[in-house]
Amino acid sequence: MFLQKLKHVCALIFDVDGVLTDGSILTSDSGEFLRTFNIKDGYALQLAVKKGFLIGVISGGKGAAMQNRFEGLGIQEIFLDVSDKVLVYNDLLIKYNLVADQVLYMGDDIPDLRIMKLVGIPTCPADAVPEIKAISSYISPYNGGKTAVRDIVEKVMRVQDKWFDEQPHASDSGK
């Protein structure tokens, strides 16, 4: 039943900290916040963009490095320093003429709760908080920042027969 729902997904939206990262933040002496991203997640995201999926990130976090990473992967909708994720989500529905059943969201913590109750397919990493797991249609066996994003993107694309790239570039996931 769950895999059948993935056939209708055309938009995938992700939280950042705890989903695309493991939730750790390093701070530099200059006050910069540093995060690590998984290269396999990056490969899946850029491939999804190439195959026509709308990919978005909505995060309370901010930083030029995050913006650059997502732009390098071709992510179309990047929203950082967001206090109300639902407002952004509703704007995206209107902008792209989407209905909730076409949208998959992956979140991991309480700030994702409201938006996850609205999307058609709420998902989360294995290390999400209990409240998020309780409302998720799918819980990845992988933790945030440890290929949970790759897991769900690959599932969507395989169900829609769009996973394989005939001519991948070695730099696709490292942009």
N, C-alpha and C. Protein backbone atom coordinates (compact mmCIF):
# COMPACT_ATOMS: atom_id res chain seq x y z
N MET A 1 0.83 -1.20 0.00
CA MET A 1 0.00 0.00 0.00
C MET A 1 0.87 1.27 0.00
N PHE A 2 1.91 1.29 0.85
CA PHE A 2 2.76 2.47 0.92
C PHE A 2 3.44 2.74 -0.42
N LEU A 3 3.99 1.72 -1.05
CA LEU A 3 4.68 1.91 -2.32
C LEU A 3 3.74 2.44 -3.40
N GLN A 4 2.48 2.03 -3.36
CA GLN A 4 1.50 2.53 -4.32
C GLN A 4 1.33 4.05 -4.21
N LYS A 5 1.36 4.57 -2.98
CA LYS A 5 1.23 6.01 -2.77
C LYS A 5 2.38 6.78 -3.42
N LEU A 6 3.55 6.14 -3.49
CA LEU A 6 4.72 6.82 -4.04
C LEU A 6 4.61 7.06 -5.54
N LYS A 7 3.72 6.35 -6.21
CA LYS A 7 3.54 6.53 -7.65
C LYS A 7 3.04 7.92 -8.00
N HIS A 8 2.40 8.58 -7.04
CA HIS A 8 1.80 9.89 -7.30
C HIS A 8 2.66 11.06 -6.82
N VAL A 9 3.79 10.76 -6.21
CA VAL A 9 4.65 11.81 -5.67
C VAL A 9 5.37 12.55 -6.79
N CYS A 10 5.28 13.87 -6.78
CA CYS A 10 6.04 14.67 -7.73
C CYS A 10 6.85 15.75 -7.01
N ALA A 11 6.64 15.89 -5.70
CA ALA A 11 7.39 16.87 -4.91
C ALA A 11 7.88 16.20 -3.64
N LEU A 12 9.17 16.38 -3.36
CA LEU A 12 9.78 15.86 -2.14
C LEU A 12 10.40 17.03 -1.39
N ILE A 13 10.01 17.19 -0.15
CA ILE A 13 10.48 18.31 0.66
C ILE A 13 11.16 17.75 1.91
N PHE A 14 12.26 18.37 2.28
CA PHE A 14 13.06 17.85 3.40
C PHE A 14 13.39 18.95 4.40
N ASP A 15 13.35 18.57 5.66
CA ASP A 15 13.97 19.36 6.71
C ASP A 15 15.47 19.18 6.51
N VAL A 16 16.29 19.99 7.14
CA VAL A 16 17.74 19.87 6.97
C VAL A 16 18.38 19.20 8.18
N ASP A 17 18.43 19.90 9.32
CA ASP A 17 19.14 19.38 10.49
C ASP A 17 18.40 18.17 11.07
N GLY A 18 19.09 17.03 11.11
CA GLY A 18 18.50 15.79 11.58
C GLY A 18 17.91 14.93 10.48
N VAL A 19 17.84 15.47 9.27
CA VAL A 19 17.34 14.72 8.11
C VAL A 19 18.44 14.64 7.05
N LEU A 20 18.83 15.79 6.51
CA LEU A 20 19.94 15.83 5.56
C LEU A 20 21.29 15.86 6.27
N THR A 21 21.27 16.13 7.56
CA THR A 21 22.48 16.05 8.39
C THR A 21 22.16 15.14 9.58
N ASP A 22 23.18 14.80 10.33
CA ASP A 22 22.93 13.96 11.52
C ASP A 22 22.49 14.78 12.72
N GLY A 23 22.28 16.06 12.53
CA GLY A 23 21.82 16.93 13.60
C GLY A 23 22.93 17.59 14.38
N SER A 24 24.16 17.21 14.11
CA SER A 24 25.29 17.83 14.79
C SER A 24 25.63 19.16 14.13
N ILE A 25 26.03 20.12 14.95
CA ILE A 25 26.50 21.40 14.43
C ILE A 25 27.84 21.70 15.09
N LEU A 26 28.84 21.90 14.25
CA LEU A 26 30.16 22.32 14.73
C LEU A 26 30.20 23.84 14.66
N THR A 27 30.83 24.45 15.63
CA THR A 27 30.98 25.90 15.58
C THR A 27 32.45 26.25 15.45
N SER A 28 32.73 27.19 14.56
CA SER A 28 34.11 27.62 14.37
C SER A 28 34.41 28.79 15.30
N ASP A 29 35.67 29.14 15.41
CA ASP A 29 36.06 30.29 16.23
C ASP A 29 35.46 31.59 15.71
N SER A 30 35.16 31.62 14.43
CA SER A 30 34.57 32.83 13.85
C SER A 30 33.05 32.89 14.05
N GLY A 31 32.49 31.84 14.67
CA GLY A 31 31.05 31.82 14.93
C GLY A 31 30.23 31.14 13.86
N GLU A 32 30.88 30.58 12.86
CA GLU A 32 30.20 29.86 11.80
C GLU A 32 29.67 28.52 12.31
N PHE A 33 28.48 28.14 11.84
CA PHE A 33 27.93 26.82 12.14
C PHE A 33 28.23 25.90 10.96
N LEU A 34 28.83 24.76 11.21
CA LEU A 34 29.23 23.84 10.16
C LEU A 34 28.45 22.54 10.28
N ARG A 35 28.01 22.01 9.14
CA ARG A 35 27.24 20.77 9.09
C ARG A 35 27.89 19.84 8.07
N THR A 36 27.66 18.54 8.23
CA THR A 36 28.12 17.59 7.22
C THR A 36 26.91 16.99 6.52
N PHE A 37 27.05 16.79 5.22
CA PHE A 37 26.00 16.21 4.39
C PHE A 37 26.52 14.91 3.78
N ASN A 38 25.63 13.97 3.57
CA ASN A 38 26.01 12.68 3.02
C ASN A 38 26.02 12.75 1.49
N ILE A 39 27.08 12.31 0.89
CA ILE A 39 27.25 12.38 -0.56
C ILE A 39 26.22 11.52 -1.30
N LYS A 40 25.80 10.42 -0.69
CA LYS A 40 24.79 9.55 -1.32
C LYS A 40 23.42 10.21 -1.34
N ASP A 41 23.11 10.96 -0.29
CA ASP A 41 21.87 11.75 -0.30
C ASP A 41 21.94 12.76 -1.44
N GLY A 42 23.10 13.41 -1.59
CA GLY A 42 23.28 14.40 -2.65
C GLY A 42 23.09 13.81 -4.03
N TYR A 43 23.62 12.62 -4.25
CA TYR A 43 23.45 11.99 -5.56
C TYR A 43 21.96 11.77 -5.86
N ALA A 44 21.24 11.24 -4.89
CA ALA A 44 19.81 10.96 -5.09
C ALA A 44 19.04 12.25 -5.36
N LEU A 45 19.35 13.30 -4.64
CA LEU A 45 18.63 14.56 -4.81
C LEU A 45 18.88 15.17 -6.19
N GLN A 46 20.13 15.20 -6.62
CA GLN A 46 20.40 15.80 -7.93
C GLN A 46 19.79 14.97 -9.05
N LEU A 47 19.76 13.65 -8.88
CA LEU A 47 19.13 12.79 -9.89
C LEU A 47 17.63 13.03 -9.94
N ALA A 48 17.00 13.18 -8.78
CA ALA A 48 15.57 13.47 -8.74
C ALA A 48 15.25 14.78 -9.46
N VAL A 49 16.09 15.79 -9.26
CA VAL A 49 15.91 17.06 -9.97
C VAL A 49 16.00 16.82 -11.47
N LYS A 50 17.03 16.10 -11.91
CA LYS A 50 17.22 15.81 -13.34
C LYS A 50 16.03 15.07 -13.94
N LYS A 51 15.38 14.23 -13.13
CA LYS A 51 14.26 13.43 -13.61
C LYS A 51 12.92 14.15 -13.48
N GLY A 52 12.96 15.43 -13.08
CA GLY A 52 11.74 16.24 -13.11
C GLY A 52 10.98 16.37 -11.80
N PHE A 53 11.50 15.85 -10.72
CA PHE A 53 10.83 16.01 -9.43
C PHE A 53 11.09 17.40 -8.88
N LEU A 54 10.11 17.96 -8.20
CA LEU A 54 10.30 19.19 -7.45
C LEU A 54 10.93 18.81 -6.13
N ILE A 55 12.09 19.36 -5.85
CA ILE A 55 12.79 19.10 -4.60
C ILE A 55 12.89 20.41 -3.82
N GLY A 56 12.55 20.34 -2.54
CA GLY A 56 12.63 21.52 -1.70
C GLY A 56 13.22 21.20 -0.34
N VAL A 57 13.79 22.21 0.28
CA VAL A 57 14.23 22.11 1.67
C VAL A 57 13.62 23.28 2.43
N ILE A 58 13.15 22.98 3.62
CA ILE A 58 12.61 24.00 4.51
C ILE A 58 13.26 23.80 5.87
N SER A 59 13.97 24.82 6.33
CA SER A 59 14.72 24.67 7.57
C SER A 59 14.72 25.94 8.39
N GLY A 60 14.77 25.76 9.69
CA GLY A 60 14.99 26.90 10.58
C GLY A 60 16.44 27.32 10.58
N GLY A 61 17.32 26.44 10.12
CA GLY A 61 18.74 26.75 10.06
C GLY A 61 19.04 27.68 8.89
N LYS A 62 20.24 28.24 8.92
CA LYS A 62 20.62 29.15 7.85
C LYS A 62 22.13 29.12 7.67
N GLY A 63 22.56 29.66 6.55
CA GLY A 63 23.99 29.76 6.28
C GLY A 63 24.28 29.68 4.81
N ALA A 64 25.30 30.41 4.39
CA ALA A 64 25.70 30.44 2.98
C ALA A 64 26.15 29.06 2.51
N ALA A 65 26.81 28.30 3.37
CA ALA A 65 27.27 26.97 2.98
C ALA A 65 26.09 26.06 2.66
N MET A 66 25.03 26.12 3.47
CA MET A 66 23.84 25.32 3.19
C MET A 66 23.23 25.73 1.85
N GLN A 67 23.07 27.02 1.66
CA GLN A 67 22.50 27.55 0.41
C GLN A 67 23.32 27.06 -0.78
N ASN A 68 24.63 27.16 -0.69
CA ASN A 68 25.50 26.73 -1.80
C ASN A 68 25.38 25.24 -2.07
N ARG A 69 25.32 24.44 -1.03
CA ARG A 69 25.19 22.99 -1.20
C ARG A 69 23.91 22.65 -1.97
N PHE A 70 22.81 23.23 -1.54
CA PHE A 70 21.53 22.91 -2.18
C PHE A 70 21.44 23.45 -3.60
N GLU A 71 21.94 24.64 -3.82
CA GLU A 71 21.97 25.17 -5.19
C GLU A 71 22.83 24.30 -6.09
N GLY A 72 23.96 23.82 -5.57
CA GLY A 72 24.84 22.96 -6.35
C GLY A 72 24.18 21.66 -6.78
N LEU A 73 23.24 21.19 -5.99
CA LEU A 73 22.51 19.97 -6.33
C LEU A 73 21.32 20.24 -7.25
N GLY A 74 21.06 21.51 -7.53
CA GLY A 74 19.95 21.87 -8.41
C GLY A 74 18.61 21.94 -7.71
N ILE A 75 18.61 21.95 -6.40
CA ILE A 75 17.34 22.00 -5.66
C ILE A 75 16.64 23.32 -5.98
N GLN A 76 15.38 23.20 -6.37
CA GLN A 76 14.64 24.35 -6.88
C GLN A 76 14.12 25.28 -5.79
N GLU A 77 13.69 24.73 -4.69
CA GLU A 77 13.05 25.53 -3.65
C GLU A 77 13.83 25.40 -2.34
N ILE A 78 14.52 26.44 -1.96
CA ILE A 78 15.37 26.45 -0.78
C ILE A 78 14.87 27.53 0.17
N PHE A 79 14.42 27.11 1.34
CA PHE A 79 13.91 28.04 2.34
C PHE A 79 14.66 27.81 3.64
N LEU A 80 15.50 28.77 4.00
CA LEU A 80 16.29 28.70 5.22
C LEU A 80 15.84 29.80 6.17
N ASP A 81 16.14 29.63 7.46
CA ASP A 81 15.76 30.60 8.48
C ASP A 81 14.24 30.78 8.54
N VAL A 82 13.52 29.66 8.41
CA VAL A 82 12.06 29.67 8.38
C VAL A 82 11.51 29.42 9.78
N SER A 83 10.56 30.24 10.19
CA SER A 83 9.94 30.02 11.50
C SER A 83 8.62 29.27 11.37
N ASP A 84 7.93 29.38 10.23
CA ASP A 84 6.66 28.68 10.04
C ASP A 84 6.70 27.88 8.73
N LYS A 85 6.99 26.59 8.84
CA LYS A 85 7.12 25.73 7.67
C LYS A 85 5.80 25.56 6.92
N VAL A 86 4.69 25.64 7.63
CA VAL A 86 3.39 25.45 7.01
C VAL A 86 3.11 26.57 6.00
N LEU A 87 3.47 27.79 6.31
CA LEU A 87 3.27 28.90 5.36
C LEU A 87 4.03 28.64 4.06
N VAL A 88 5.26 28.20 4.17
CA VAL A 88 6.08 27.89 2.99
C VAL A 88 5.43 26.75 2.21
N TYR A 89 5.02 25.71 2.91
CA TYR A 89 4.38 24.56 2.26
C TYR A 89 3.13 24.98 1.50
N ASN A 90 2.27 25.78 2.12
CA ASN A 90 1.05 26.22 1.46
C ASN A 90 1.35 27.05 0.22
N ASP A 91 2.38 27.89 0.29
CA ASP A 91 2.79 28.68 -0.88
C ASP A 91 3.27 27.77 -2.01
N LEU A 92 4.00 26.71 -1.66
CA LEU A 92 4.48 25.77 -2.68
C LEU A 92 3.32 25.03 -3.35
N LEU A 93 2.31 24.65 -2.58
CA LEU A 93 1.13 24.00 -3.15
C LEU A 93 0.49 24.89 -4.21
N ILE A 94 0.36 26.16 -3.89
CA ILE A 94 -0.26 27.10 -4.83
C ILE A 94 0.65 27.33 -6.03
N LYS A 95 1.91 27.61 -5.77
CA LYS A 95 2.86 27.92 -6.85
C LYS A 95 2.96 26.81 -7.89
N TYR A 96 2.94 25.55 -7.44
CA TYR A 96 3.11 24.42 -8.35
C TYR A 96 1.82 23.66 -8.63
N ASN A 97 0.71 24.20 -8.15
CA ASN A 97 -0.60 23.58 -8.37
C ASN A 97 -0.61 22.12 -7.90
N LEU A 98 -0.16 21.91 -6.67
CA LEU A 98 -0.05 20.57 -6.09
C LEU A 98 -1.19 20.30 -5.13
N VAL A 99 -1.46 19.02 -4.95
CA VAL A 99 -2.35 18.58 -3.88
C VAL A 99 -1.50 17.77 -2.90
N ALA A 100 -1.97 17.67 -1.68
CA ALA A 100 -1.18 17.03 -0.61
C ALA A 100 -0.69 15.64 -0.98
N ASP A 101 -1.49 14.83 -1.67
CA ASP A 101 -1.10 13.46 -2.00
C ASP A 101 0.12 13.38 -2.92
N GLN A 102 0.47 14.48 -3.56
CA GLN A 102 1.63 14.51 -4.45
C GLN A 102 2.91 14.89 -3.72
N VAL A 103 2.79 15.21 -2.42
CA VAL A 103 3.93 15.73 -1.67
C VAL A 103 4.38 14.76 -0.59
N LEU A 104 5.68 14.48 -0.60
CA LEU A 104 6.33 13.69 0.43
C LEU A 104 7.21 14.64 1.23
N TYR A 105 7.18 14.51 2.55
CA TYR A 105 8.02 15.34 3.42
C TYR A 105 8.75 14.44 4.38
N MET A 106 10.04 14.73 4.61
CA MET A 106 10.79 14.01 5.62
C MET A 106 11.24 14.99 6.69
N GLY A 107 10.82 14.71 7.93
CA GLY A 107 11.20 15.51 9.08
C GLY A 107 11.61 14.62 10.23
N ASP A 108 12.14 15.23 11.27
CA ASP A 108 12.66 14.41 12.37
C ASP A 108 12.30 14.90 13.77
N ASP A 109 11.77 16.13 13.90
CA ASP A 109 11.58 16.67 15.24
C ASP A 109 10.31 17.53 15.30
N ILE A 110 10.00 17.99 16.48
CA ILE A 110 8.75 18.70 16.74
C ILE A 110 8.47 19.87 15.79
N PRO A 111 9.47 20.66 15.36
CA PRO A 111 9.15 21.73 14.40
C PRO A 111 8.58 21.22 13.07
N ASP A 112 8.70 19.93 12.80
CA ASP A 112 8.16 19.35 11.56
C ASP A 112 6.74 18.80 11.72
N LEU A 113 6.26 18.74 12.94
CA LEU A 113 4.98 18.08 13.23
C LEU A 113 3.81 18.66 12.44
N ARG A 114 3.66 19.98 12.45
CA ARG A 114 2.49 20.59 11.79
C ARG A 114 2.50 20.33 10.28
N ILE A 115 3.63 20.52 9.64
CA ILE A 115 3.70 20.32 8.19
C ILE A 115 3.49 18.83 7.85
N MET A 116 4.01 17.95 8.68
CA MET A 116 3.87 16.52 8.40
C MET A 116 2.43 16.04 8.51
N LYS A 117 1.62 16.73 9.28
CA LYS A 117 0.19 16.38 9.37
C LYS A 117 -0.58 16.83 8.14
N LEU A 118 0.02 17.69 7.32
CA LEU A 118 -0.66 18.22 6.14
C LEU A 118 -0.27 17.53 4.83
N VAL A 119 0.95 17.03 4.74
CA VAL A 119 1.41 16.43 3.48
C VAL A 119 0.77 15.07 3.27
N GLY A 120 0.80 14.62 2.03
CA GLY A 120 0.24 13.31 1.71
C GLY A 120 1.04 12.16 2.27
N ILE A 121 2.37 12.30 2.26
CA ILE A 121 3.24 11.20 2.70
C ILE A 121 4.30 11.74 3.67
N PRO A 122 4.01 11.68 4.96
CA PRO A 122 5.01 12.08 5.95
C PRO A 122 5.98 10.93 6.23
N THR A 123 7.27 11.23 6.20
CA THR A 123 8.29 10.21 6.43
C THR A 123 9.34 10.76 7.40
N CYS A 124 10.16 9.85 7.92
CA CYS A 124 11.19 10.30 8.86
C CYS A 124 12.37 9.33 8.88
N PRO A 125 13.51 9.81 9.38
CA PRO A 125 14.67 8.93 9.59
C PRO A 125 14.43 8.03 10.81
N ALA A 126 15.25 7.02 10.94
CA ALA A 126 15.13 6.07 12.06
C ALA A 126 15.30 6.73 13.41
N ASP A 127 16.08 7.80 13.48
CA ASP A 127 16.35 8.45 14.76
C ASP A 127 15.47 9.67 15.03
N ALA A 128 14.33 9.75 14.36
CA ALA A 128 13.38 10.83 14.62
C ALA A 128 12.78 10.67 16.03
N VAL A 129 12.23 11.76 16.54
CA VAL A 129 11.60 11.70 17.86
C VAL A 129 10.29 10.91 17.79
N PRO A 130 9.84 10.34 18.90
CA PRO A 130 8.64 9.49 18.90
C PRO A 130 7.39 10.14 18.31
N GLU A 131 7.19 11.42 18.54
CA GLU A 131 6.00 12.10 18.02
C GLU A 131 5.99 12.12 16.49
N ILE A 132 7.15 12.24 15.89
CA ILE A 132 7.26 12.25 14.43
C ILE A 132 7.09 10.83 13.88
N LYS A 133 7.70 9.88 14.54
CA LYS A 133 7.54 8.48 14.11
C LYS A 133 6.07 8.07 14.14
N ALA A 134 5.34 8.55 15.14
CA ALA A 134 3.93 8.17 15.30
C ALA A 134 3.05 8.61 14.15
N ILE A 135 3.41 9.69 13.46
CA ILE A 135 2.57 10.17 12.36
C ILE A 135 3.16 9.88 10.99
N SER A 136 4.28 9.19 10.94
CA SER A 136 4.95 8.93 9.66
C SER A 136 4.37 7.71 8.96
N SER A 137 4.20 7.83 7.65
CA SER A 137 3.78 6.70 6.81
C SER A 137 4.93 5.74 6.57
N TYR A 138 6.16 6.27 6.69
CA TYR A 138 7.35 5.46 6.46
C TYR A 138 8.46 5.97 7.37
N ILE A 139 9.13 5.03 8.04
CA ILE A 139 10.29 5.33 8.86
C ILE A 139 11.47 4.64 8.20
N SER A 140 12.40 5.43 7.71
CA SER A 140 13.58 4.85 7.06
C SER A 140 14.38 4.04 8.09
N PRO A 141 15.01 2.97 7.67
CA PRO A 141 15.89 2.24 8.59
C PRO A 141 17.21 2.98 8.84
N TYR A 142 17.42 4.11 8.14
CA TYR A 142 18.65 4.88 8.25
C TYR A 142 18.43 6.16 9.05
N ASN A 143 19.45 6.58 9.76
CA ASN A 143 19.38 7.81 10.54
C ASN A 143 19.51 9.03 9.64
N GLY A 144 19.13 10.17 10.19
CA GLY A 144 19.31 11.43 9.50
C GLY A 144 20.79 11.67 9.20
N GLY A 145 21.07 12.15 7.99
CA GLY A 145 22.45 12.39 7.59
C GLY A 145 23.21 11.14 7.24
N LYS A 146 22.56 9.99 7.34
CA LYS A 146 23.20 8.70 7.09
C LYS A 146 22.43 7.91 6.04
N THR A 147 21.98 8.59 5.02
CA THR A 147 21.28 8.07 3.83
C THR A 147 19.78 7.81 4.01
N ALA A 148 19.15 8.40 4.99
CA ALA A 148 17.69 8.32 5.09
C ALA A 148 17.04 9.00 3.89
N VAL A 149 17.63 10.12 3.45
CA VAL A 149 17.10 10.83 2.29
C VAL A 149 17.27 9.99 1.03
N ARG A 150 18.45 9.42 0.84
CA ARG A 150 18.69 8.56 -0.32
C ARG A 150 17.67 7.42 -0.34
N ASP A 151 17.42 6.84 0.82
CA ASP A 151 16.49 5.72 0.94
C ASP A 151 15.11 6.09 0.39
N ILE A 152 14.55 7.21 0.82
CA ILE A 152 13.19 7.53 0.40
C ILE A 152 13.15 8.05 -1.03
N VAL A 153 14.15 8.83 -1.44
CA VAL A 153 14.19 9.32 -2.82
C VAL A 153 14.31 8.14 -3.78
N GLU A 154 15.17 7.20 -3.46
CA GLU A 154 15.34 6.02 -4.31
C GLU A 154 14.05 5.21 -4.40
N LYS A 155 13.36 5.06 -3.28
CA LYS A 155 12.09 4.32 -3.30
C LYS A 155 11.08 4.98 -4.24
N VAL A 156 10.93 6.28 -4.13
CA VAL A 156 9.99 7.01 -4.99
C VAL A 156 10.39 6.83 -6.45
N MET A 157 11.65 7.01 -6.75
CA MET A 157 12.09 6.95 -8.14
C MET A 157 12.03 5.53 -8.70
N ARG A 158 12.30 4.53 -7.89
CA ARG A 158 12.20 3.14 -8.38
C ARG A 158 10.75 2.77 -8.69
N VAL A 159 9.84 3.17 -7.82
CA VAL A 159 8.41 2.88 -8.05
C VAL A 159 7.95 3.53 -9.35
N GLN A 160 8.51 4.69 -9.66
CA GLN A 160 8.13 5.41 -10.87
C GLN A 160 9.05 5.09 -12.06
N ASP A 161 9.92 4.12 -11.88
CA ASP A 161 10.86 3.69 -12.92
C ASP A 161 11.72 4.84 -13.46
N LYS A 162 12.23 5.66 -12.53
CA LYS A 162 13.05 6.81 -12.90
C LYS A 162 14.41 6.80 -12.19
N TRP A 163 14.76 5.70 -11.55
CA TRP A 163 15.96 5.70 -10.72
C TRP A 163 17.27 5.76 -11.48
N PHE A 164 17.42 5.02 -12.52
CA PHE A 164 18.73 4.86 -13.13
C PHE A 164 19.10 6.04 -14.03
N ASP A 165 20.37 6.45 -13.98
CA ASP A 165 20.91 7.51 -14.83
C ASP A 165 21.89 6.87 -15.80
N GLU A 166 21.59 6.94 -17.08
CA GLU A 166 22.42 6.31 -18.12
C GLU A 166 23.82 6.91 -18.21
N GLN A 167 23.93 8.20 -17.91
CA GLN A 167 25.23 8.87 -18.03
C GLN A 167 25.54 9.71 -16.80
N PRO A 168 25.79 9.07 -15.68
CA PRO A 168 26.10 9.86 -14.46
C PRO A 168 27.46 10.51 -14.57
N HIS A 169 27.60 11.63 -13.90
CA HIS A 169 28.87 12.33 -13.82
C HIS A 169 29.46 12.10 -12.44
N ALA A 170 30.75 11.91 -12.37
CA ALA A 170 31.41 11.65 -11.09
C ALA A 170 31.19 12.77 -10.09
N SER A 171 30.97 13.98 -10.56
CA SER A 171 30.81 15.12 -9.66
C SER A 171 29.36 15.38 -9.25
N ASP A 172 28.40 14.57 -9.72
CA ASP A 172 26.98 14.87 -9.50
C ASP A 172 26.61 15.05 -8.03
N SER A 173 27.14 14.23 -7.14
CA SER A 173 26.74 14.30 -5.75
C SER A 173 27.60 15.22 -4.91
N GLY A 174 28.70 15.68 -5.48
CA GLY A 174 29.63 16.48 -4.71
C GLY A 174 29.56 17.97 -4.98
N LYS A 175 28.53 18.42 -5.65
CA LYS A 175 28.42 19.84 -6.01
C LYS A 175 28.06 20.68 -4.81
